[in-house]
N, C-alpha and C. Protein backbone atom coordinates (compact mmCIF):
# COMPACT_ATOMS: atom_id res chain seq x y z
N MET A 1 -24.24 14.97 13.92
CA MET A 1 -23.45 15.59 14.96
C MET A 1 -22.27 14.68 15.28
N SER A 2 -21.09 15.26 15.48
CA SER A 2 -19.91 14.45 15.76
C SER A 2 -19.94 13.98 17.21
N PRO A 3 -19.32 12.82 17.47
CA PRO A 3 -19.32 12.29 18.83
C PRO A 3 -18.51 13.17 19.77
N ASP A 4 -18.88 13.14 21.03
CA ASP A 4 -18.16 13.88 22.06
C ASP A 4 -16.79 13.24 22.24
N PRO A 5 -15.67 14.00 22.06
CA PRO A 5 -14.34 13.39 22.17
C PRO A 5 -14.06 12.80 23.54
N ARG A 6 -14.72 13.30 24.57
CA ARG A 6 -14.51 12.74 25.91
C ARG A 6 -15.04 11.33 26.00
N GLU A 7 -16.02 10.99 25.16
CA GLU A 7 -16.60 9.66 25.19
C GLU A 7 -15.83 8.67 24.34
N THR A 8 -15.01 9.15 23.41
CA THR A 8 -14.31 8.25 22.50
C THR A 8 -12.88 7.94 22.93
N ARG A 9 -12.33 8.72 23.87
CA ARG A 9 -10.96 8.43 24.26
C ARG A 9 -10.93 7.25 25.23
N PRO A 10 -9.87 6.47 25.16
CA PRO A 10 -9.80 5.31 26.05
C PRO A 10 -9.70 5.73 27.50
N THR A 11 -10.29 4.93 28.36
CA THR A 11 -10.23 5.25 29.77
C THR A 11 -9.00 4.60 30.38
N ARG A 12 -8.44 5.28 31.36
CA ARG A 12 -7.31 4.74 32.11
C ARG A 12 -7.43 5.23 33.53
N PRO A 13 -6.71 4.61 34.44
CA PRO A 13 -6.82 5.05 35.84
C PRO A 13 -6.44 6.52 35.98
N THR A 14 -7.09 7.19 36.91
CA THR A 14 -6.79 8.59 37.18
C THR A 14 -5.44 8.67 37.88
N LEU A 15 -4.59 9.57 37.36
CA LEU A 15 -3.26 9.75 37.93
C LEU A 15 -3.24 11.01 38.78
N SER A 16 -2.35 11.03 39.77
CA SER A 16 -2.19 12.23 40.59
C SER A 16 -1.43 13.28 39.79
N ALA A 17 -1.46 14.51 40.27
CA ALA A 17 -0.71 15.59 39.62
C ALA A 17 0.78 15.25 39.58
N ALA A 18 1.29 14.64 40.63
CA ALA A 18 2.71 14.28 40.66
C ALA A 18 3.04 13.21 39.62
N GLU A 19 2.16 12.22 39.47
CA GLU A 19 2.38 11.17 38.47
C GLU A 19 2.31 11.75 37.05
N LEU A 20 1.36 12.65 36.83
CA LEU A 20 1.24 13.29 35.52
C LEU A 20 2.47 14.14 35.23
N ASN A 21 2.96 14.86 36.24
CA ASN A 21 4.16 15.66 36.08
C ASN A 21 5.34 14.79 35.68
N THR A 22 5.47 13.64 36.30
CA THR A 22 6.55 12.71 35.96
C THR A 22 6.45 12.27 34.50
N ARG A 23 5.26 11.95 34.06
CA ARG A 23 5.07 11.52 32.66
C ARG A 23 5.38 12.65 31.69
N ILE A 24 4.99 13.87 32.05
CA ILE A 24 5.30 15.03 31.20
C ILE A 24 6.81 15.21 31.09
N ARG A 25 7.49 15.13 32.21
CA ARG A 25 8.96 15.28 32.21
C ARG A 25 9.64 14.18 31.38
N GLU A 26 9.10 12.97 31.44
CA GLU A 26 9.66 11.87 30.65
C GLU A 26 9.58 12.16 29.15
N LEU A 27 8.52 12.83 28.72
CA LEU A 27 8.39 13.16 27.30
C LEU A 27 9.48 14.13 26.85
N TRP A 28 9.96 14.94 27.78
CA TRP A 28 10.98 15.94 27.48
C TRP A 28 12.39 15.46 27.86
N ALA A 29 12.56 14.18 28.13
CA ALA A 29 13.82 13.65 28.64
C ALA A 29 15.03 13.98 27.76
N ASP A 30 14.85 14.05 26.47
CA ASP A 30 15.96 14.34 25.56
C ASP A 30 16.13 15.84 25.31
N GLY A 31 15.38 16.67 26.01
CA GLY A 31 15.50 18.11 25.86
C GLY A 31 14.59 18.71 24.80
N GLU A 32 13.88 17.87 24.08
CA GLU A 32 12.90 18.36 23.12
C GLU A 32 11.77 17.36 23.01
N LEU A 33 10.63 17.87 22.58
CA LEU A 33 9.43 17.04 22.46
C LEU A 33 9.27 16.58 21.02
N PRO A 34 9.29 15.27 20.77
CA PRO A 34 9.07 14.80 19.40
C PRO A 34 7.67 15.19 18.92
N ASP A 35 7.57 15.60 17.68
CA ASP A 35 6.28 16.05 17.11
C ASP A 35 5.18 15.01 17.29
N GLU A 36 5.52 13.74 17.12
CA GLU A 36 4.49 12.70 17.21
C GLU A 36 3.99 12.50 18.64
N ARG A 37 4.68 13.04 19.64
CA ARG A 37 4.27 12.91 21.05
C ARG A 37 3.51 14.15 21.55
N ARG A 38 3.40 15.21 20.70
CA ARG A 38 2.75 16.46 21.12
C ARG A 38 1.30 16.24 21.58
N PRO A 39 0.48 15.45 20.89
CA PRO A 39 -0.90 15.24 21.38
C PRO A 39 -0.93 14.61 22.78
N GLU A 40 -0.03 13.67 23.01
CA GLU A 40 0.05 13.04 24.33
C GLU A 40 0.45 14.07 25.39
N TYR A 41 1.45 14.89 25.05
CA TYR A 41 1.90 15.94 25.96
C TYR A 41 0.76 16.90 26.30
N GLU A 42 0.05 17.36 25.28
CA GLU A 42 -1.04 18.31 25.51
C GLU A 42 -2.13 17.71 26.39
N ALA A 43 -2.45 16.44 26.17
CA ALA A 43 -3.47 15.78 26.99
C ALA A 43 -3.00 15.65 28.44
N LEU A 44 -1.73 15.31 28.63
CA LEU A 44 -1.18 15.18 29.97
C LEU A 44 -1.18 16.52 30.70
N VAL A 45 -0.84 17.60 30.00
CA VAL A 45 -0.83 18.93 30.62
C VAL A 45 -2.23 19.31 31.07
N LEU A 46 -3.22 19.03 30.23
CA LEU A 46 -4.60 19.34 30.62
C LEU A 46 -5.03 18.51 31.84
N GLU A 47 -4.65 17.25 31.85
CA GLU A 47 -4.98 16.40 33.01
C GLU A 47 -4.26 16.89 34.26
N TRP A 48 -2.98 17.29 34.10
CA TRP A 48 -2.20 17.79 35.23
C TRP A 48 -2.85 19.05 35.81
N ALA A 49 -3.27 19.96 34.92
CA ALA A 49 -3.91 21.20 35.38
C ALA A 49 -5.19 20.88 36.14
N ALA A 50 -5.98 19.96 35.64
CA ALA A 50 -7.23 19.58 36.31
C ALA A 50 -6.93 18.93 37.66
N ALA A 51 -5.93 18.05 37.71
CA ALA A 51 -5.59 17.37 38.96
C ALA A 51 -5.05 18.36 39.98
N THR A 52 -4.27 19.34 39.53
CA THR A 52 -3.73 20.36 40.42
C THR A 52 -4.86 21.22 40.96
N HIS A 53 -5.79 21.61 40.09
CA HIS A 53 -6.93 22.41 40.51
C HIS A 53 -7.77 21.66 41.52
N LEU A 54 -7.99 20.39 41.28
CA LEU A 54 -8.78 19.56 42.18
C LEU A 54 -8.09 19.46 43.55
N ALA A 55 -6.78 19.22 43.53
CA ALA A 55 -6.03 19.09 44.78
C ALA A 55 -6.06 20.40 45.57
N MET A 56 -5.97 21.52 44.89
CA MET A 56 -6.00 22.81 45.57
C MET A 56 -7.38 23.06 46.18
N GLY A 57 -8.41 22.61 45.49
CA GLY A 57 -9.77 22.76 46.02
C GLY A 57 -9.98 21.94 47.28
N ARG A 58 -9.36 20.80 47.34
CA ARG A 58 -9.47 19.95 48.53
C ARG A 58 -8.73 20.58 49.70
N ALA A 59 -7.61 21.26 49.42
CA ALA A 59 -6.80 21.86 50.48
C ALA A 59 -7.45 23.10 51.07
N ALA A 60 -8.32 23.72 50.31
CA ALA A 60 -8.93 24.98 50.78
C ALA A 60 -9.99 24.77 51.83
């Protein structure tokens, strides 16, 4: 059985939705996303969505 990808990725401090949004925007700074940065972008978008969902749950 293959390892769980959540267990193999490096850990880093949890960022807020605003911080993740800033990092996403930085990737697009030149108006296009370089192909080699797409995995990073996709991971950041997923983290941003989770952070936004979490923040909305706290506000409710």
